[in-house]
N, C-alpha and C. Protein backbone atom coordinates (compact mmCIF):
# COMPACT_ATOMS: atom_id res chain seq x y z
N MET A 1 101.56 -36.05 -227.09
CA MET A 1 101.67 -36.07 -225.65
C MET A 1 102.73 -35.06 -225.22
N ASN A 2 102.43 -34.28 -224.21
CA ASN A 2 103.41 -33.30 -223.73
C ASN A 2 104.29 -33.91 -222.64
N TYR A 3 105.33 -33.20 -222.28
CA TYR A 3 106.28 -33.71 -221.29
C TYR A 3 105.62 -33.97 -219.94
N GLU A 4 104.68 -33.11 -219.53
CA GLU A 4 104.03 -33.27 -218.24
C GLU A 4 103.26 -34.60 -218.18
N GLU A 5 102.57 -34.94 -219.25
CA GLU A 5 101.83 -36.22 -219.29
C GLU A 5 102.79 -37.40 -219.27
N LEU A 6 103.90 -37.28 -219.97
CA LEU A 6 104.90 -38.34 -219.98
C LEU A 6 105.47 -38.53 -218.57
N ILE A 7 105.74 -37.44 -217.89
CA ILE A 7 106.25 -37.49 -216.51
C ILE A 7 105.23 -38.16 -215.60
N GLU A 8 103.96 -37.82 -215.74
CA GLU A 8 102.92 -38.45 -214.92
C GLU A 8 102.90 -39.97 -215.13
N SER A 9 103.10 -40.42 -216.35
CA SER A 9 103.17 -41.86 -216.62
C SER A 9 104.37 -42.49 -215.92
N ALA A 10 105.50 -41.80 -215.94
CA ALA A 10 106.70 -42.31 -215.26
C ALA A 10 106.47 -42.39 -213.75
N ILE A 11 105.84 -41.37 -213.19
CA ILE A 11 105.55 -41.36 -211.75
C ILE A 11 104.65 -42.54 -211.39
N GLU A 12 103.64 -42.80 -212.19
CA GLU A 12 102.74 -43.94 -211.94
C GLU A 12 103.51 -45.25 -211.94
N MET A 13 104.49 -45.37 -212.82
CA MET A 13 105.25 -46.62 -212.92
C MET A 13 106.10 -46.91 -211.69
N GLN A 14 106.44 -45.90 -210.93
CA GLN A 14 107.19 -46.16 -209.69
C GLN A 14 106.44 -47.14 -208.79
N ASN A 15 105.12 -47.11 -208.85
CA ASN A 15 104.31 -47.97 -207.99
C ASN A 15 104.49 -49.45 -208.30
N TYR A 16 105.02 -49.77 -209.48
CA TYR A 16 105.18 -51.16 -209.88
C TYR A 16 106.61 -51.68 -209.67
N SER A 17 107.50 -50.82 -209.23
CA SER A 17 108.89 -51.23 -209.00
C SER A 17 108.96 -52.39 -208.02
N TYR A 18 109.91 -53.27 -208.28
CA TYR A 18 110.21 -54.37 -207.35
C TYR A 18 111.59 -54.09 -206.80
N VAL A 19 111.64 -53.53 -205.59
CA VAL A 19 112.91 -53.02 -205.05
C VAL A 19 113.14 -53.44 -203.59
N PRO A 20 113.18 -54.75 -203.32
CA PRO A 20 113.34 -55.20 -201.93
C PRO A 20 114.73 -54.95 -201.35
N TYR A 21 115.70 -54.59 -202.18
CA TYR A 21 117.07 -54.40 -201.71
C TYR A 21 117.43 -52.93 -201.55
N SER A 22 117.20 -52.13 -202.54
CA SER A 22 117.56 -50.71 -202.48
C SER A 22 116.43 -49.84 -201.95
N HIS A 23 115.20 -50.28 -202.11
CA HIS A 23 114.02 -49.48 -201.74
C HIS A 23 114.00 -48.16 -202.50
N PHE A 24 114.59 -48.17 -203.70
CA PHE A 24 114.65 -46.99 -204.56
C PHE A 24 113.81 -47.26 -205.79
N HIS A 25 112.68 -46.59 -205.91
CA HIS A 25 111.71 -46.81 -206.99
C HIS A 25 112.00 -45.90 -208.17
N VAL A 26 112.10 -46.48 -209.36
CA VAL A 26 112.30 -45.70 -210.58
C VAL A 26 111.19 -46.04 -211.56
N GLY A 27 110.65 -45.00 -212.19
CA GLY A 27 109.66 -45.17 -213.24
C GLY A 27 110.11 -44.46 -214.50
N ALA A 28 109.76 -45.01 -215.64
CA ALA A 28 110.12 -44.41 -216.92
C ALA A 28 108.94 -44.51 -217.88
N ALA A 29 108.84 -43.51 -218.74
CA ALA A 29 107.84 -43.51 -219.81
C ALA A 29 108.51 -43.07 -221.10
N LEU A 30 108.49 -43.95 -222.08
CA LEU A 30 109.17 -43.77 -223.36
C LEU A 30 108.16 -43.38 -224.43
N LEU A 31 108.45 -42.32 -225.14
CA LEU A 31 107.56 -41.81 -226.19
C LEU A 31 108.13 -42.17 -227.56
N THR A 32 107.31 -42.82 -228.39
CA THR A 32 107.73 -43.12 -229.75
C THR A 32 107.48 -41.91 -230.64
N ALA A 33 108.09 -41.93 -231.80
CA ALA A 33 107.93 -40.82 -232.74
C ALA A 33 106.48 -40.65 -233.18
N ASP A 34 105.70 -41.73 -233.16
CA ASP A 34 104.30 -41.62 -233.57
C ASP A 34 103.34 -41.47 -232.39
N GLY A 35 103.87 -41.18 -231.18
CA GLY A 35 103.03 -40.83 -230.05
C GLY A 35 102.63 -41.95 -229.10
N LYS A 36 103.10 -43.17 -229.31
CA LYS A 36 102.80 -44.25 -228.37
C LYS A 36 103.71 -44.12 -227.16
N VAL A 37 103.24 -44.62 -226.03
CA VAL A 37 104.02 -44.58 -224.80
C VAL A 37 104.23 -46.01 -224.29
N TYR A 38 105.47 -46.31 -223.98
CA TYR A 38 105.83 -47.59 -223.36
C TYR A 38 106.45 -47.26 -222.01
N THR A 39 106.00 -47.97 -220.99
CA THR A 39 106.46 -47.66 -219.63
C THR A 39 107.32 -48.78 -219.07
N GLY A 40 108.06 -48.43 -218.02
CA GLY A 40 108.89 -49.42 -217.35
C GLY A 40 109.17 -49.00 -215.92
N CYS A 41 109.53 -49.98 -215.11
CA CYS A 41 109.94 -49.73 -213.73
C CYS A 41 111.18 -50.57 -213.46
N ASN A 42 111.89 -50.24 -212.40
CA ASN A 42 113.07 -51.04 -212.07
C ASN A 42 112.65 -52.31 -211.35
N ILE A 43 113.37 -53.39 -211.66
CA ILE A 43 113.08 -54.70 -211.10
C ILE A 43 114.40 -55.28 -210.61
N GLU A 44 114.52 -55.40 -209.28
CA GLU A 44 115.77 -55.87 -208.69
C GLU A 44 115.79 -57.38 -208.57
N ASN A 45 117.01 -57.89 -208.33
CA ASN A 45 117.23 -59.31 -208.17
C ASN A 45 118.34 -59.50 -207.15
N GLY A 46 118.27 -60.55 -206.36
CA GLY A 46 119.30 -60.84 -205.37
C GLY A 46 120.69 -60.96 -206.00
N SER A 47 120.74 -61.39 -207.24
CA SER A 47 121.97 -61.36 -208.01
C SER A 47 121.95 -60.02 -208.74
N TYR A 48 122.60 -59.02 -208.17
CA TYR A 48 122.43 -57.63 -208.61
C TYR A 48 122.62 -57.42 -210.11
N GLY A 49 123.47 -58.20 -210.72
CA GLY A 49 123.68 -58.07 -212.17
C GLY A 49 122.44 -58.40 -212.98
N ALA A 50 121.50 -59.13 -212.39
CA ALA A 50 120.26 -59.49 -213.08
C ALA A 50 119.17 -58.43 -212.91
N THR A 51 119.47 -57.38 -212.16
CA THR A 51 118.53 -56.28 -211.98
C THR A 51 118.34 -55.55 -213.30
N ASN A 52 117.12 -55.04 -213.53
CA ASN A 52 116.86 -54.29 -214.75
C ASN A 52 116.31 -52.91 -214.39
N CYS A 53 116.82 -51.90 -215.05
CA CYS A 53 116.41 -50.52 -214.81
C CYS A 53 115.09 -50.20 -215.51
N ALA A 54 114.41 -49.19 -215.03
CA ALA A 54 113.13 -48.76 -215.61
C ALA A 54 113.27 -48.35 -217.07
N GLU A 55 114.34 -47.63 -217.37
CA GLU A 55 114.55 -47.14 -218.74
C GLU A 55 114.70 -48.29 -219.71
N ARG A 56 115.51 -49.28 -219.34
CA ARG A 56 115.70 -50.43 -220.22
C ARG A 56 114.44 -51.27 -220.32
N ALA A 57 113.69 -51.38 -219.22
CA ALA A 57 112.42 -52.12 -219.26
C ALA A 57 111.50 -51.50 -220.31
N ALA A 58 111.39 -50.17 -220.32
CA ALA A 58 110.52 -49.49 -221.28
C ALA A 58 111.04 -49.67 -222.71
N ILE A 59 112.34 -49.50 -222.90
CA ILE A 59 112.92 -49.63 -224.25
C ILE A 59 112.78 -51.06 -224.76
N PHE A 60 113.10 -52.04 -223.93
CA PHE A 60 113.02 -53.43 -224.38
C PHE A 60 111.57 -53.83 -224.66
N LYS A 61 110.64 -53.33 -223.86
CA LYS A 61 109.22 -53.61 -224.11
C LYS A 61 108.82 -53.07 -225.49
N ALA A 62 109.22 -51.84 -225.77
CA ALA A 62 108.88 -51.22 -227.05
C ALA A 62 109.53 -51.96 -228.22
N VAL A 63 110.81 -52.24 -228.10
CA VAL A 63 111.52 -52.93 -229.19
C VAL A 63 110.92 -54.32 -229.41
N SER A 64 110.54 -54.99 -228.33
CA SER A 64 109.97 -56.34 -228.46
C SER A 64 108.61 -56.31 -229.16
N GLU A 65 108.01 -55.12 -229.25
CA GLU A 65 106.73 -54.97 -229.96
C GLU A 65 106.91 -54.27 -231.31
N GLY A 66 108.16 -54.19 -231.77
CA GLY A 66 108.43 -53.69 -233.11
C GLY A 66 108.76 -52.21 -233.22
N GLU A 67 108.79 -51.51 -232.13
CA GLU A 67 109.09 -50.07 -232.16
C GLU A 67 110.60 -49.84 -232.15
N LYS A 68 111.05 -48.89 -232.95
CA LYS A 68 112.47 -48.55 -232.95
C LYS A 68 112.71 -47.08 -233.24
N ASN A 69 111.66 -46.27 -233.17
CA ASN A 69 111.80 -44.85 -233.46
C ASN A 69 111.26 -44.07 -232.27
N PHE A 70 112.18 -43.55 -231.45
CA PHE A 70 111.81 -42.92 -230.18
C PHE A 70 112.17 -41.44 -230.16
N SER A 71 111.36 -40.66 -229.45
CA SER A 71 111.63 -39.23 -229.38
C SER A 71 112.01 -38.75 -227.99
N ALA A 72 111.49 -39.40 -226.91
CA ALA A 72 111.79 -38.91 -225.56
C ALA A 72 111.51 -40.00 -224.52
N ILE A 73 112.13 -39.82 -223.37
CA ILE A 73 111.85 -40.67 -222.21
C ILE A 73 111.83 -39.79 -220.97
N ALA A 74 110.85 -40.02 -220.10
CA ALA A 74 110.79 -39.34 -218.80
C ALA A 74 111.22 -40.34 -217.74
N VAL A 75 112.03 -39.88 -216.79
CA VAL A 75 112.55 -40.74 -215.73
C VAL A 75 112.38 -40.04 -214.39
N VAL A 76 111.85 -40.78 -213.40
CA VAL A 76 111.72 -40.28 -212.04
C VAL A 76 112.20 -41.36 -211.08
N GLY A 77 112.66 -40.94 -209.91
CA GLY A 77 113.09 -41.94 -208.93
C GLY A 77 113.26 -41.38 -207.55
N GLY A 78 113.14 -42.27 -206.56
CA GLY A 78 113.36 -41.88 -205.18
C GLY A 78 113.15 -43.05 -204.23
N HIS A 79 113.66 -42.89 -203.02
CA HIS A 79 113.50 -43.92 -201.99
C HIS A 79 112.07 -43.99 -201.48
N GLU A 80 111.76 -45.06 -200.80
CA GLU A 80 110.45 -45.22 -200.17
C GLU A 80 110.33 -44.28 -198.98
N ASP A 81 109.10 -43.84 -198.71
CA ASP A 81 108.85 -43.10 -197.48
C ASP A 81 108.66 -44.10 -196.33
N LYS A 82 108.33 -43.63 -195.16
CA LYS A 82 108.20 -44.51 -193.99
C LYS A 82 107.08 -45.53 -194.13
N ASP A 83 106.14 -45.26 -195.05
CA ASP A 83 105.04 -46.18 -195.30
C ASP A 83 105.30 -47.11 -196.48
N GLY A 84 106.50 -47.05 -197.04
CA GLY A 84 106.85 -47.91 -198.17
C GLY A 84 106.39 -47.41 -199.52
N LYS A 85 105.93 -46.17 -199.59
CA LYS A 85 105.46 -45.58 -200.86
C LYS A 85 106.62 -44.89 -201.57
N PRO A 86 106.62 -44.95 -202.91
CA PRO A 86 107.68 -44.28 -203.66
C PRO A 86 107.65 -42.76 -203.47
N THR A 87 108.82 -42.17 -203.48
CA THR A 87 108.94 -40.71 -203.43
C THR A 87 109.80 -40.27 -204.62
N ILE A 88 109.85 -38.98 -204.83
CA ILE A 88 110.79 -38.41 -205.79
C ILE A 88 111.60 -37.39 -205.01
N GLU A 89 112.89 -37.66 -204.86
CA GLU A 89 113.75 -36.82 -204.03
C GLU A 89 114.47 -35.76 -204.83
N ASP A 90 114.91 -36.14 -206.00
CA ASP A 90 115.73 -35.26 -206.83
C ASP A 90 115.66 -35.79 -208.27
N PHE A 91 116.36 -35.15 -209.16
CA PHE A 91 116.43 -35.65 -210.52
C PHE A 91 117.17 -36.98 -210.51
N CYS A 92 116.73 -37.90 -211.35
CA CYS A 92 117.26 -39.27 -211.35
C CYS A 92 117.79 -39.61 -212.75
N PRO A 93 119.05 -39.31 -213.02
CA PRO A 93 119.59 -39.57 -214.36
C PRO A 93 119.80 -41.06 -214.63
N PRO A 94 119.72 -41.47 -215.89
CA PRO A 94 119.95 -42.87 -216.25
C PRO A 94 121.38 -43.30 -215.95
N CYS A 95 121.53 -44.57 -215.60
CA CYS A 95 122.86 -45.13 -215.38
C CYS A 95 123.60 -45.27 -216.72
N GLY A 96 124.85 -45.62 -216.66
CA GLY A 96 125.66 -45.75 -217.87
C GLY A 96 125.16 -46.84 -218.82
N ILE A 97 124.71 -47.96 -218.26
CA ILE A 97 124.20 -49.04 -219.12
C ILE A 97 122.95 -48.56 -219.86
N CYS A 98 122.06 -47.87 -219.16
CA CYS A 98 120.85 -47.37 -219.82
C CYS A 98 121.19 -46.36 -220.90
N ARG A 99 122.17 -45.52 -220.64
CA ARG A 99 122.58 -44.55 -221.66
C ARG A 99 123.11 -45.26 -222.90
N GLN A 100 123.87 -46.32 -222.70
CA GLN A 100 124.40 -47.08 -223.83
C GLN A 100 123.28 -47.77 -224.60
N VAL A 101 122.27 -48.30 -223.90
CA VAL A 101 121.13 -48.92 -224.57
C VAL A 101 120.36 -47.86 -225.36
N MET A 102 120.19 -46.68 -224.77
CA MET A 102 119.53 -45.59 -225.49
C MET A 102 120.28 -45.28 -226.78
N LEU A 103 121.60 -45.27 -226.71
CA LEU A 103 122.40 -44.98 -227.90
C LEU A 103 122.17 -46.02 -228.99
N GLU A 104 121.92 -47.26 -228.59
CA GLU A 104 121.67 -48.32 -229.56
C GLU A 104 120.38 -48.08 -230.35
N PHE A 105 119.38 -47.50 -229.69
CA PHE A 105 118.05 -47.40 -230.29
C PHE A 105 117.59 -45.97 -230.57
N CYS A 106 118.33 -44.98 -230.11
CA CYS A 106 117.87 -43.59 -230.22
C CYS A 106 118.92 -42.72 -230.90
N LYS A 107 118.46 -41.65 -231.48
CA LYS A 107 119.38 -40.68 -232.09
C LYS A 107 119.99 -39.82 -230.98
N LYS A 108 121.06 -39.16 -231.31
CA LYS A 108 121.77 -38.36 -230.30
C LYS A 108 120.97 -37.16 -229.82
N ASP A 109 119.92 -36.76 -230.58
CA ASP A 109 119.07 -35.65 -230.13
C ASP A 109 117.83 -36.14 -229.36
N PHE A 110 117.76 -37.44 -229.07
CA PHE A 110 116.70 -38.03 -228.26
C PHE A 110 116.64 -37.28 -226.92
N LYS A 111 115.43 -36.97 -226.49
CA LYS A 111 115.23 -36.17 -225.27
C LYS A 111 115.10 -37.06 -224.04
N ILE A 112 115.84 -36.72 -223.00
CA ILE A 112 115.77 -37.40 -221.71
C ILE A 112 115.28 -36.38 -220.70
N ILE A 113 114.10 -36.65 -220.16
CA ILE A 113 113.45 -35.72 -219.24
C ILE A 113 113.60 -36.25 -217.83
N LEU A 114 114.31 -35.51 -217.00
CA LEU A 114 114.50 -35.87 -215.60
C LEU A 114 113.58 -34.97 -214.79
N ALA A 115 112.73 -35.58 -213.96
CA ALA A 115 111.68 -34.80 -213.30
C ALA A 115 111.62 -35.03 -211.80
N LYS A 116 111.24 -33.97 -211.11
CA LYS A 116 110.86 -34.06 -209.70
C LYS A 116 109.34 -34.15 -209.59
N ASN A 117 108.65 -33.55 -210.55
CA ASN A 117 107.19 -33.61 -210.66
C ASN A 117 106.85 -33.09 -212.06
N PRO A 118 105.57 -33.12 -212.45
CA PRO A 118 105.24 -32.71 -213.82
C PRO A 118 105.55 -31.25 -214.16
N LYS A 119 105.80 -30.43 -213.18
CA LYS A 119 106.11 -29.02 -213.44
C LYS A 119 107.58 -28.67 -213.22
N ASP A 120 108.33 -29.56 -212.59
CA ASP A 120 109.73 -29.31 -212.27
C ASP A 120 110.58 -30.39 -212.93
N TYR A 121 111.12 -30.07 -214.10
CA TYR A 121 111.89 -31.05 -214.84
C TYR A 121 112.99 -30.36 -215.66
N LYS A 122 113.96 -31.19 -216.06
CA LYS A 122 115.04 -30.75 -216.94
C LYS A 122 115.05 -31.65 -218.16
N VAL A 123 115.38 -31.09 -219.30
CA VAL A 123 115.45 -31.87 -220.53
C VAL A 123 116.88 -31.85 -221.06
N PHE A 124 117.39 -33.04 -221.33
CA PHE A 124 118.72 -33.21 -221.90
C PHE A 124 118.58 -34.00 -223.19
N THR A 125 119.57 -33.89 -224.06
CA THR A 125 119.64 -34.82 -225.19
C THR A 125 120.52 -35.99 -224.77
N LEU A 126 120.41 -37.07 -225.51
CA LEU A 126 121.28 -38.22 -225.27
C LEU A 126 122.73 -37.80 -225.42
N ASN A 127 123.01 -36.96 -226.39
CA ASN A 127 124.38 -36.49 -226.58
C ASN A 127 124.88 -35.69 -225.37
N ASP A 128 123.98 -34.93 -224.71
CA ASP A 128 124.37 -34.21 -223.50
C ASP A 128 124.84 -35.17 -222.41
N LEU A 129 124.11 -36.28 -222.25
CA LEU A 129 124.40 -37.21 -221.17
C LEU A 129 125.39 -38.31 -221.54
N LEU A 130 125.68 -38.43 -222.83
CA LEU A 130 126.64 -39.45 -223.27
C LEU A 130 127.51 -38.89 -224.40
N PRO A 131 128.32 -37.86 -224.07
CA PRO A 131 129.18 -37.27 -225.12
C PRO A 131 130.30 -38.24 -225.50
N GLU A 132 130.81 -38.05 -226.67
CA GLU A 132 131.94 -38.88 -227.15
C GLU A 132 131.61 -40.36 -227.01
N SER A 133 130.39 -40.72 -227.38
CA SER A 133 129.91 -42.08 -227.17
C SER A 133 130.44 -43.06 -228.20
N PHE A 134 130.36 -44.33 -227.84
CA PHE A 134 130.77 -45.43 -228.71
C PHE A 134 129.53 -46.12 -229.25
N SER A 135 129.45 -46.28 -230.55
CA SER A 135 128.34 -47.01 -231.16
C SER A 135 128.83 -47.66 -232.44
N LEU A 136 128.41 -48.88 -232.66
CA LEU A 136 128.74 -49.56 -233.92
C LEU A 136 127.90 -49.00 -235.06
N LYS A 137 126.87 -48.23 -234.75
CA LYS A 137 126.01 -47.66 -235.79
C LYS A 137 126.62 -46.40 -236.41
N ASP A 138 127.57 -45.78 -235.75
CA ASP A 138 128.18 -44.54 -236.27
C ASP A 138 129.08 -44.80 -237.45
């Protein structure tokens, strides 16, 4: 699967976000080393600490099904338009908690693809976005 297809999967996942508080839809598509894709969307909760990000939803779904070897994740996000539909406004980097979860399950050269659309994206490694990281696996 190429990055453009992975981004398209992430964009589709924005439609499943549950975001009654922020109205900010995030979609993620996680690629395993053997080519499987696990998707996720953000799911908010009135108790904000119980909210789950799209990236973690995808990773936890994959891990819960026995996957632990990942090569890339595509992430997109944006506020709703006037009709309540998801948009993509700019690049949407993972939060700190998601970066730490990625570090638990991914190598430092794991690719994080931040996209505005399938043709306009940036690729970072986990090490780029989480330098000098803390891990019990090191």
